[in-house]
Structures are given as C-alpha cells and as structure tokens.
C-alpha cells in the first residue's frame, strides 16, 4: 500500500510503504484480532463482522472466492506504534508506561441521569452529548443491540440515551468508518484497540480536522458465550433475558440481568468481572494499551481512592491539545464538571497495569516460539517494562503464556 502519514497530526517515524503483508485470516487464526471492525470498510464490503459467540466479532468473507485482505498497514491487533513525539506539557514521568498525558482530571456529567446511569461519572456520554448537541458532530459509539441484549452494536447521536454504562461484551465500532477522507467531524468512542484502529486508519486517509476520539479504559473483552453462561449460572434462561447491565446506578454499581417476565438477578461488579474475565479473547492478554493512549481523551475509573457506593466520578486523561480544548469547552458549556488532579493519580488508579505490561514481551516471545503471527508494538515502552522484572518472572511469563495459548485454542496439537 502506497500510503503517507498525515504529518499535521503524526510524526512519521514509520514508513507504511514497507510494512509487511499480513492476511486477515492469519490475524484471526493466531488470536491477534481485536474485533474492532476495521476490516469491513477497508475490504470495501468483501468482509462482514460476524459474532463468534465463544470468541467475539470476527471478519468473515462474504464470498469465499474473493481475494483475502492484507491488513498489515492498519490492523490494530498487530500494528501499534507510538509515533507522537514527546512535547513540552506531556508528563515525562508517565510517558514510557502510559503514553502522552497532558492533564489528569476527575469529573462527572452535569446531567444527573447520565451520571447516575454511567459506569463511573458519565463523562464519556457527557462528552458525546457535547459533541452532538453543542457542535453538531456525528457520534460513533457502542450500545446494546435492540434485538439481543447480549450483543453490542454501533450507535450514533440518535442513541445517546442508550450509551451510559459499560458493555462488557464484544463490539466493532470501526465497522462504520470509511476509508475515504472525512467530510464531516465525528466524535468516536471506543475501547483502546478501537481507537488505535481509528488512529491507524487516519494514516491512510485525511481525517476531518475537528474530529476527535474518546478512549475507554479496558481490561479485556469477554465473549457473548461467557455472558450467557454467567446468566445461566444465576438461574435464568439467556433466551428470556430482556436487559443486561454491567455497571452504573451508583459507583461502580451492580451487574443485573432482567427477564421478560420480571425476574432479576444481581451481582457485585467485582464478582461479575471476576467471572467474566476468564472469557477474554486472546489478544487482550498481549494488549500494550489498556488506557487509550491513542485517543484525544481517555476515561476510566478513579480507583486511586476507596471503592464506594454513591454517585460516581470519572478519571479523565487529556492526551492531545485537541482533547484539552474539547474538555474545556464541555466544562464551560455545562456538560461536565471536573477538577484537576496530580498526574500520579493515573498510575494509582490502575495499579495492576504496570505488572501486566511487564509480561507482554515474554508473551509475544511465546507466540514467536509457536511461529504465530507477530504483532509489531513499537515505541510503546514495553522493553523497559520487561527489564523491570527478574529472570524467574520472565521465565514464568513465557511458560504460562504457552499453556494459555493451548487452553484458549490459539495453538492446537494434531
């Protein structure tokens, strides 16, 4: 692909002309697909995202006879590079492990209903409302399917009321993007891998100068099958479930399933996530970015303080000058209320992520031993994280990964 980097937004530290060819089927078969959905528009309709219940959304050929798609230049499952240059204002202490951080805030949606139903403080939905209602932008985000509460679908500005609250199931928001230059501004909301897909796409097209992205902190994507099994273990028939809520209505809120005949089951957020995390897709185990470092603004939970019930607040991480402007405007126009925090509140809110990052090099090495497709995660600070751990930890990371590759079905014996 003869593509160039938009130097107005990116520092061209990689040459896309010389990226290796990788077929989409290799990415899927070797467990590196994130399910972001970008294959669908980039294939010009040759592929469609399909829900594989035991894994997640995956690209499937509409016609088996058509040529396979080369995803080497844009697939966020295998290609991530931190090519933004560190600038004055970026936190030097956070750069290596957390990516570009200009500011850290804690805030919540001024709309009391959005805040109440939101996973933490409703900041993501409030920013989407600001983009749509105050700026007239298109919005791309994830909502529960109207046909099946276990399945996610893409929603726009007309479904903002459905967006508050996390959706711990696969989603493919990049499937509605276009490989063509943008003619109108869009506020894109997604998991870190989805935002990275948008970031990679914008290397190959001209994005609208006013478009911006919001990344949602993510610890992994459980499958639909895992969600259905959790409902069954709570004594409900998944086919009778009319609504499924994972968070919200208090911080962090309860997991709650409701059936058409009025039966309900509830669990704490901690218990439900403890159950669901075992159903995460393989790619989540080698993810170098759980906090949306390729976004203009990323949002998560302020876990630096004691988990408590009550109306929540969101941890808001401003990563670009554009994100800085958007947050200030949203505050000035009454969509968000927020206070500035010290930068160290970000690592304090995600204490487990540094340990996770320290094992990624070893996990990728284990994949190499099995001759699986190799991910190219460059300038992400992973080597430094790997050097922080001892030899025994490194050996354990490689060995445990080899076992998990077999358990997850990425590697099979014949």
Protein backbone atom coordinates (compact mmCIF):
# COMPACT_ATOMS: atom_id res chain seq x y z
CA UNK A 1 0.00 0.00 0.00
CA UNK A 2 1.49 3.29 -1.06
CA UNK A 3 0.32 5.45 1.84
CA UNK A 4 1.63 8.51 3.60
CA UNK A 5 1.28 9.80 7.13
CA UNK A 6 -0.69 12.97 7.77
CA UNK A 7 2.23 14.94 9.20
CA UNK A 8 -0.11 17.59 10.59
CA UNK A 9 -1.21 15.06 13.21
CA UNK A 10 1.51 12.40 13.25
CA UNK A 11 5.28 12.25 13.39
CA UNK A 12 6.20 9.82 10.55
CA UNK A 13 8.56 7.51 12.43
CA UNK A 14 7.36 4.52 10.41
CA UNK A 15 7.21 4.05 6.66
CA UNK A 16 3.91 2.47 5.70
CA UNK A 17 5.23 1.66 2.23
CA UNK A 18 7.43 -1.08 3.71
CA UNK A 19 5.16 -2.72 6.26
CA UNK A 20 4.92 -6.50 5.86
CA UNK A 21 1.88 -8.09 4.28
CA UNK A 22 -0.34 -9.92 6.75
CA UNK A 23 -3.59 -11.57 5.72
CA UNK A 24 -6.63 -11.04 7.91
CA UNK A 25 -7.15 -14.79 8.26
CA UNK A 26 -3.69 -15.14 9.85
CA UNK A 27 -4.52 -12.42 12.38
CA UNK A 28 -7.80 -14.13 13.27
CA UNK A 29 -6.44 -17.69 13.37
CA UNK A 30 -3.45 -16.70 15.51
CA UNK A 31 -5.58 -14.94 18.10
CA UNK A 32 -4.50 -11.35 17.42
CA UNK A 33 -7.80 -9.98 16.14
CA UNK A 34 -9.30 -7.36 18.47
CA UNK A 35 -12.68 -7.45 16.71
CA UNK A 36 -12.58 -3.68 16.12
CA UNK A 37 -14.40 -3.99 12.77
CA UNK A 38 -11.98 -2.01 10.61
CA UNK A 39 -11.64 -4.91 8.17
CA UNK A 40 -15.20 -4.36 6.98
CA UNK A 41 -14.79 -0.87 5.46
CA UNK A 42 -11.17 -1.44 4.43
CA UNK A 43 -12.22 -4.50 2.41
CA UNK A 44 -14.91 -2.48 0.59
CA UNK A 45 -17.52 -4.96 1.73
CA UNK A 46 -15.59 -8.17 0.99
CA UNK A 47 -15.73 -8.98 4.71
CA UNK A 48 -18.52 -8.62 7.26
CA UNK A 49 -18.12 -8.65 11.03
CA UNK A 50 -19.79 -11.73 12.48
CA UNK A 51 -20.32 -12.61 16.13
CA UNK A 52 -18.47 -15.82 17.01
CA UNK A 53 -20.06 -16.35 20.40
CA UNK A 54 -17.15 -18.18 22.02
CA UNK A 55 -14.63 -15.51 20.98
CA UNK A 56 -16.02 -12.20 19.70
CA UNK A 57 -16.76 -10.36 16.47
CA UNK A 58 -14.57 -11.54 13.61
CA UNK A 59 -14.28 -10.60 9.91
CA UNK A 60 -15.72 -13.24 7.60
CA UNK A 61 -15.60 -13.23 3.80
CA UNK A 62 -18.92 -12.53 2.14
CA UNK A 63 -17.76 -14.62 -0.82
CA UNK A 64 -15.10 -17.26 -0.09
CA UNK A 65 -13.76 -16.92 -3.63
CA UNK A 66 -12.66 -13.28 -3.31
CA UNK A 67 -9.08 -12.32 -2.53
CA UNK A 68 -8.01 -12.12 1.12
CA UNK A 69 -7.45 -8.75 2.74
CA UNK A 70 -3.95 -7.53 3.57
CA UNK A 71 -4.22 -5.76 6.94
CA UNK A 72 -0.53 -5.18 7.63
CA UNK A 73 -0.72 -1.40 7.36
CA UNK A 74 -3.71 -0.72 9.61
CA UNK A 75 -4.78 -3.65 11.84
CA UNK A 76 -4.50 -2.53 15.49
CA UNK A 77 -4.31 -6.15 16.55
CA UNK A 78 -0.82 -6.46 15.05
CA UNK A 79 0.35 -2.89 14.41
CA UNK A 80 0.70 -0.20 17.06
CA UNK A 81 3.39 2.43 17.22
CA UNK A 82 3.64 5.44 19.48
CA UNK A 83 4.75 7.92 16.84
CA UNK A 84 3.65 11.08 18.58
CA UNK A 85 6.71 12.98 19.68
CA UNK A 86 7.01 13.87 23.36
CA UNK A 87 6.38 17.58 23.71
CA UNK A 88 6.50 20.24 26.40
CA UNK A 89 3.47 19.69 28.61
CA UNK A 90 3.50 15.91 28.38
CA UNK A 91 4.16 14.23 31.71
CA UNK A 92 7.73 12.95 31.49
CA UNK A 93 7.14 10.58 34.41
CA UNK A 94 4.19 8.90 32.67
CA UNK A 95 5.39 8.91 29.07
CA UNK A 96 7.03 5.47 28.89
CA UNK A 97 4.30 3.45 30.62
CA UNK A 98 1.16 5.49 29.98
CA UNK A 99 1.74 7.33 26.71
CA UNK A 100 1.06 11.02 26.15
CA UNK A 101 -0.58 12.67 29.18
CA UNK A 102 -1.15 16.42 29.23
CA UNK A 103 -3.59 16.59 32.13
CA UNK A 104 -5.46 14.32 34.55
CA UNK A 105 -8.91 15.36 35.79
CA UNK A 106 -11.68 13.90 37.90
CA UNK A 107 -15.22 14.82 36.97
CA UNK A 108 -18.76 13.83 36.15
CA UNK A 109 -21.65 14.58 33.82
CA UNK A 110 -23.70 17.59 34.82
CA UNK A 111 -26.80 15.72 33.65
CA UNK A 112 -27.80 13.87 36.84
CA UNK A 113 -29.42 10.98 34.93
CA UNK A 114 -26.34 10.40 32.75
CA UNK A 115 -24.11 10.48 35.82
CA UNK A 116 -26.36 8.04 37.69
CA UNK A 117 -26.53 5.53 34.85
CA UNK A 118 -22.89 5.91 33.86
CA UNK A 119 -20.20 3.41 34.81
CA UNK A 120 -18.35 5.97 36.88
CA UNK A 121 -19.30 9.61 36.44
CA UNK A 122 -20.82 9.52 32.96
CA UNK A 123 -18.04 11.65 31.47
CA UNK A 124 -17.88 9.70 28.20
CA UNK A 125 -21.57 10.19 27.47
CA UNK A 126 -21.37 13.83 28.52
CA UNK A 127 -18.56 14.43 26.03
CA UNK A 128 -20.61 12.68 23.33
CA UNK A 129 -23.60 14.90 24.16
CA UNK A 130 -21.40 17.97 23.92
CA UNK A 131 -20.07 16.86 20.52
CA UNK A 132 -23.54 16.09 19.14
CA UNK A 133 -25.70 18.77 20.74
CA UNK A 134 -23.32 21.72 21.00
CA UNK A 135 -21.07 21.10 17.98
CA UNK A 136 -23.36 19.16 15.64
CA UNK A 137 -20.90 16.30 15.22
CA UNK A 138 -21.55 12.77 14.15
CA UNK A 139 -21.11 10.28 17.01
CA UNK A 140 -19.91 6.68 16.82
CA UNK A 141 -20.26 4.60 19.99
CA UNK A 142 -21.38 1.25 21.37
CA UNK A 143 -24.85 0.38 22.63
CA UNK A 144 -26.75 -2.81 23.41
CA UNK A 145 -28.50 -4.38 20.45
CA UNK A 146 -32.25 -3.82 20.39
CA UNK A 147 -32.68 -7.43 19.27
CA UNK A 148 -30.32 -9.18 21.69
CA UNK A 149 -29.16 -7.62 24.99
CA UNK A 150 -26.05 -9.83 25.00
CA UNK A 151 -24.79 -8.35 21.73
CA UNK A 152 -23.41 -4.86 21.15
CA UNK A 153 -23.98 -2.74 18.07
CA UNK A 154 -22.89 0.67 16.84
CA UNK A 155 -24.99 3.65 17.88
CA UNK A 156 -24.91 7.28 16.84
CA UNK A 157 -26.13 10.63 18.09
CA UNK A 158 -29.73 9.37 17.99
CA UNK A 159 -28.92 6.77 20.67
CA UNK A 160 -27.03 8.88 23.18
CA UNK A 161 -29.60 7.96 25.84
CA UNK A 162 -28.59 4.29 25.44
CA UNK A 163 -24.84 4.87 25.83
CA UNK A 164 -24.29 5.33 29.60
CA UNK A 165 -22.83 2.27 31.30
CA UNK A 166 -20.09 -0.18 30.32
CA UNK A 167 -20.77 -3.02 27.91
CA UNK A 168 -18.57 -5.98 28.83
CA UNK A 169 -19.07 -7.84 25.57
CA UNK A 170 -17.56 -7.62 22.05
CA UNK A 171 -18.18 -4.56 19.90
CA UNK A 172 -16.94 -3.41 16.49
CA UNK A 173 -17.37 0.36 16.21
CA UNK A 174 -14.76 0.70 13.44
CA UNK A 175 -17.04 -1.17 11.04
CA UNK A 176 -18.98 2.04 10.31
CA UNK A 177 -15.88 4.10 9.50
CA UNK A 178 -14.91 4.92 5.94
CA UNK A 179 -11.55 4.61 4.21
CA UNK A 180 -12.37 7.83 2.35
CA UNK A 181 -11.38 11.28 3.56
CA UNK A 182 -13.79 12.59 6.19
CA UNK A 183 -16.18 15.31 5.06
CA UNK A 184 -17.77 15.94 8.46
CA UNK A 185 -16.42 15.86 12.04
CA UNK A 186 -17.02 12.76 14.15
CA UNK A 187 -16.71 12.03 17.86
CA UNK A 188 -15.54 8.42 18.03
CA UNK A 189 -15.91 6.41 21.26
CA UNK A 190 -14.30 3.03 21.71
CA UNK A 191 -12.06 0.68 23.60
CA UNK A 192 -8.32 1.40 23.30
CA UNK A 193 -7.94 -1.08 20.44
CA UNK A 194 -10.87 0.53 18.59
CA UNK A 195 -9.33 3.98 18.96
CA UNK A 196 -6.00 2.57 17.78
CA UNK A 197 -7.80 1.26 14.70
CA UNK A 198 -9.11 4.76 14.02
CA UNK A 199 -5.61 6.16 14.59
CA UNK A 200 -4.14 3.70 12.08
CA UNK A 201 -6.92 4.45 9.60
CA UNK A 202 -6.13 8.15 9.79
CA UNK A 203 -2.66 7.37 8.48
CA UNK A 204 -4.29 6.26 5.24
CA UNK A 205 -6.91 8.98 4.77
CA UNK A 206 -7.46 12.62 5.62
CA UNK A 207 -9.48 12.92 8.84
CA UNK A 208 -11.66 15.95 9.42
CA UNK A 209 -9.62 18.46 11.46
CA UNK A 210 -12.39 18.75 14.07
CA UNK A 211 -12.92 15.02 14.65
CA UNK A 212 -11.81 13.69 17.99
CA UNK A 213 -11.68 10.37 19.83
CA UNK A 214 -12.55 9.17 23.32
CA UNK A 215 -10.92 6.00 24.63
CA UNK A 216 -12.47 3.92 27.41
CA UNK A 217 -10.11 2.17 29.83
CA UNK A 218 -10.40 -1.57 29.22
CA UNK A 219 -9.14 -4.69 31.00
CA UNK A 220 -10.28 -7.08 28.28
CA UNK A 221 -13.30 -8.16 26.24
CA UNK A 222 -15.36 -11.17 27.42
CA UNK A 223 -17.26 -13.19 24.85
CA UNK A 224 -21.02 -13.33 24.43
CA UNK A 225 -20.82 -17.02 25.36
CA UNK A 226 -19.26 -16.07 28.71
CA UNK A 227 -22.07 -13.62 29.41
CA UNK A 228 -24.73 -16.19 28.56
CA UNK A 229 -23.06 -18.75 30.82
CA UNK A 230 -23.00 -16.28 33.71
CA UNK A 231 -26.73 -15.72 33.29
CA UNK A 232 -27.39 -19.47 33.27
CA UNK A 233 -25.37 -19.92 36.45
CA UNK A 234 -27.60 -17.30 38.07
CA UNK A 235 -30.61 -19.47 37.32
CA UNK A 236 -32.02 -17.59 34.32
CA UNK A 237 -32.65 -18.66 30.74
CA UNK A 238 -30.47 -16.46 28.50
CA UNK A 239 -33.14 -16.58 25.78
CA UNK A 240 -35.58 -14.89 28.16
CA UNK A 241 -33.27 -12.03 29.16
CA UNK A 242 -34.62 -8.62 28.16
CA UNK A 243 -31.92 -6.44 29.70
CA UNK A 244 -28.34 -6.80 30.90
CA UNK A 245 -26.48 -4.15 32.90
CA UNK A 246 -22.86 -4.41 34.00
CA UNK A 247 -22.25 -1.15 35.86
CA UNK A 248 -23.88 2.10 36.85
CA UNK A 249 -26.72 3.38 39.04
CA UNK A 250 -24.10 4.03 41.70
CA UNK A 251 -20.34 3.54 41.63
CA UNK A 252 -19.38 1.03 40.49
CA UNK A 253 -22.92 -0.33 40.56
CA UNK A 254 -24.24 -3.86 40.18
CA UNK A 255 -24.36 -6.44 37.42
CA UNK A 256 -28.03 -7.06 36.79
CA UNK A 257 -29.95 -9.36 34.43
CA UNK A 258 -33.68 -8.93 33.86
CA UNK A 259 -36.08 -11.27 32.03
CA UNK A 260 -39.22 -10.57 30.06
CA UNK A 261 -41.38 -11.93 32.91
CA UNK A 262 -39.78 -9.65 35.50
CA UNK A 263 -37.23 -11.96 37.12
CA UNK A 264 -33.93 -10.29 38.10
CA UNK A 265 -30.54 -11.41 39.32
CA UNK A 266 -27.84 -9.16 40.76
CA UNK A 267 -24.13 -9.48 41.50
CA UNK A 268 -21.47 -7.07 42.60
CA UNK A 269 -19.32 -5.56 39.89
CA UNK A 270 -16.25 -7.29 41.38
CA UNK A 271 -17.88 -10.73 41.36
CA UNK A 272 -19.28 -10.43 37.84
CA UNK A 273 -15.97 -9.21 36.40
CA UNK A 274 -14.06 -11.95 38.25
CA UNK A 275 -16.28 -14.45 36.45
CA UNK A 276 -16.27 -12.83 33.02
CA UNK A 277 -12.55 -12.06 32.76
CA UNK A 278 -11.77 -15.74 32.14
CA UNK A 279 -13.69 -15.43 28.83
CA UNK A 280 -11.50 -12.65 27.40
CA UNK A 281 -10.22 -13.09 23.86
CA UNK A 282 -6.53 -13.96 23.50
CA UNK A 283 -5.48 -10.60 22.05
CA UNK A 284 -6.36 -8.93 25.37
CA UNK A 285 -3.54 -10.87 27.07
CA UNK A 286 -0.91 -9.18 24.88
CA UNK A 287 -2.51 -5.74 24.81
CA UNK A 288 0.04 -2.94 25.44
CA UNK A 289 -2.57 -0.20 25.81
CA UNK A 290 -5.41 -0.53 28.29
CA UNK A 291 -5.92 3.21 28.85
CA UNK A 292 -6.47 4.59 25.35
CA UNK A 293 -3.19 6.33 24.70
CA UNK A 294 -4.06 6.89 21.02
CA UNK A 295 -7.19 8.87 21.93
CA UNK A 296 -7.57 12.62 22.35
CA UNK A 297 -9.23 11.99 25.73
CA UNK A 298 -9.41 8.72 27.64
CA UNK A 299 -11.71 7.95 30.54
CA UNK A 300 -11.74 5.34 33.30
CA UNK A 301 -12.42 4.84 36.99
CA UNK A 302 -10.63 6.82 39.73
CA UNK A 303 -9.65 3.65 41.58
CA UNK A 304 -6.92 5.57 43.44
CA UNK A 305 -9.47 6.06 46.19
CA UNK A 306 -11.52 3.53 48.08
CA UNK A 307 -14.27 1.91 46.06
CA UNK A 308 -17.53 3.16 47.49
CA UNK A 309 -21.21 3.33 46.65
CA UNK A 310 -22.83 6.59 45.66
CA UNK A 311 -22.77 8.76 42.57
CA UNK A 312 -19.59 8.15 40.64
CA UNK A 313 -16.81 10.24 39.20
CA UNK A 314 -14.69 9.64 36.13
CA UNK A 315 -10.93 9.79 35.74
CA UNK A 316 -10.38 11.93 32.62
CA UNK A 317 -6.97 11.81 30.90
CA UNK A 318 -6.27 14.55 28.36
CA UNK A 319 -3.75 13.29 25.81
CA UNK A 320 -3.73 15.87 22.99
CA UNK A 321 -4.16 19.61 22.53
CA UNK A 322 -7.43 18.91 20.76
CA UNK A 323 -8.64 16.89 23.73
CA UNK A 324 -7.60 19.72 26.02
CA UNK A 325 -9.73 22.16 24.05
CA UNK A 326 -12.74 19.82 23.89
CA UNK A 327 -12.76 19.16 27.63
CA UNK A 328 -12.55 22.84 28.49
CA UNK A 329 -15.37 23.69 26.12
CA UNK A 330 -17.53 20.89 27.51
CA UNK A 331 -16.94 22.24 31.01
CA UNK A 332 -17.61 25.84 30.00
CA UNK A 333 -20.90 24.87 28.35
CA UNK A 334 -22.15 22.89 31.33
CA UNK A 335 -21.80 19.31 30.13
CA UNK A 336 -19.05 18.25 32.56
CA UNK A 337 -17.89 19.36 35.98
CA UNK A 338 -14.27 18.46 36.79
CA UNK A 339 -11.26 19.28 38.94
CA UNK A 340 -7.59 18.90 38.04
CA UNK A 341 -5.63 16.09 39.70
CA UNK A 342 -1.94 15.37 40.09
CA UNK A 343 -0.66 13.23 37.23
CA UNK A 344 0.25 10.36 39.56
CA UNK A 345 -3.44 9.68 40.14
CA UNK A 346 -3.42 7.84 36.79
CA UNK A 347 -0.99 5.05 37.82
CA UNK A 348 -2.57 4.99 41.28
CA UNK A 349 -5.92 4.28 39.61
CA UNK A 350 -4.56 1.36 37.56
CA UNK A 351 -2.04 -0.37 39.84
CA UNK A 352 -2.19 -3.70 38.01
CA UNK A 353 -1.37 -2.40 34.55
CA UNK A 354 2.38 -1.94 35.07
CA UNK A 355 2.63 -5.59 36.10
CA UNK A 356 0.61 -6.58 33.03
CA UNK A 357 2.83 -4.53 30.71
CA UNK A 358 5.96 -6.10 32.18
CA UNK A 359 4.95 -9.52 30.85
CA UNK A 360 3.95 -8.59 27.29
CA UNK A 361 7.40 -9.05 25.75
CA UNK A 362 7.52 -12.55 27.23
CA UNK A 363 4.04 -13.36 25.98
CA UNK A 364 4.90 -12.20 22.48
CA UNK A 365 8.08 -14.30 22.64
CA UNK A 366 5.98 -17.35 23.49
CA UNK A 367 3.86 -16.66 20.41
CA UNK A 368 7.04 -16.48 18.35
CA UNK A 369 8.07 -19.92 19.65
CA UNK A 370 4.85 -21.32 18.17
CA UNK A 371 5.54 -19.43 14.91
CA UNK A 372 2.34 -17.44 15.21
CA UNK A 373 1.75 -14.11 13.50
CA UNK A 374 3.90 -11.46 15.13
CA UNK A 375 2.49 -8.19 16.47
CA UNK A 376 4.55 -5.04 15.91
CA UNK A 377 4.21 -2.87 19.01
CA UNK A 378 6.93 -0.24 18.70
CA UNK A 379 7.91 2.74 20.85
CA UNK A 380 5.40 1.59 23.48
CA UNK A 381 7.84 1.30 26.39
CA UNK A 382 7.46 -2.49 26.55
CA UNK A 383 11.19 -3.27 26.60
CA UNK A 384 11.65 -1.02 29.61
CA UNK A 385 8.75 -2.71 31.38
CA UNK A 386 10.26 -6.12 30.60
CA UNK A 387 13.62 -5.09 32.06
CA UNK A 388 11.95 -4.24 35.37
CA UNK A 389 11.19 -7.87 36.20
CA UNK A 390 13.53 -10.63 37.26
CA UNK A 391 14.60 -13.76 35.40
CA UNK A 392 12.19 -16.05 37.25
CA UNK A 393 9.26 -13.78 36.45
CA UNK A 394 10.30 -13.71 32.80
CA UNK A 395 10.51 -17.49 32.59
CA UNK A 396 7.14 -17.80 34.31
CA UNK A 397 5.57 -15.32 31.85
CA UNK A 398 6.74 -17.32 28.82
CA UNK A 399 5.73 -20.68 30.30
CA UNK A 400 2.31 -19.53 31.48
CA UNK A 401 1.64 -17.96 28.10
CA UNK A 402 2.48 -21.17 26.26
CA UNK A 403 -0.05 -23.04 28.41
CA UNK A 404 -2.70 -20.36 27.93
CA UNK A 405 -2.25 -20.38 24.14
CA UNK A 406 -3.21 -24.04 24.16
CA UNK A 407 -6.04 -23.55 26.67
CA UNK A 408 -7.51 -20.68 24.61
CA UNK A 409 -7.36 -22.80 21.45
CA UNK A 410 -4.92 -20.49 19.65
CA UNK A 411 -2.47 -23.40 19.42
CA UNK A 412 -3.80 -26.88 18.78
CA UNK A 413 -1.97 -30.19 18.57
CA UNK A 414 -2.51 -32.55 15.67
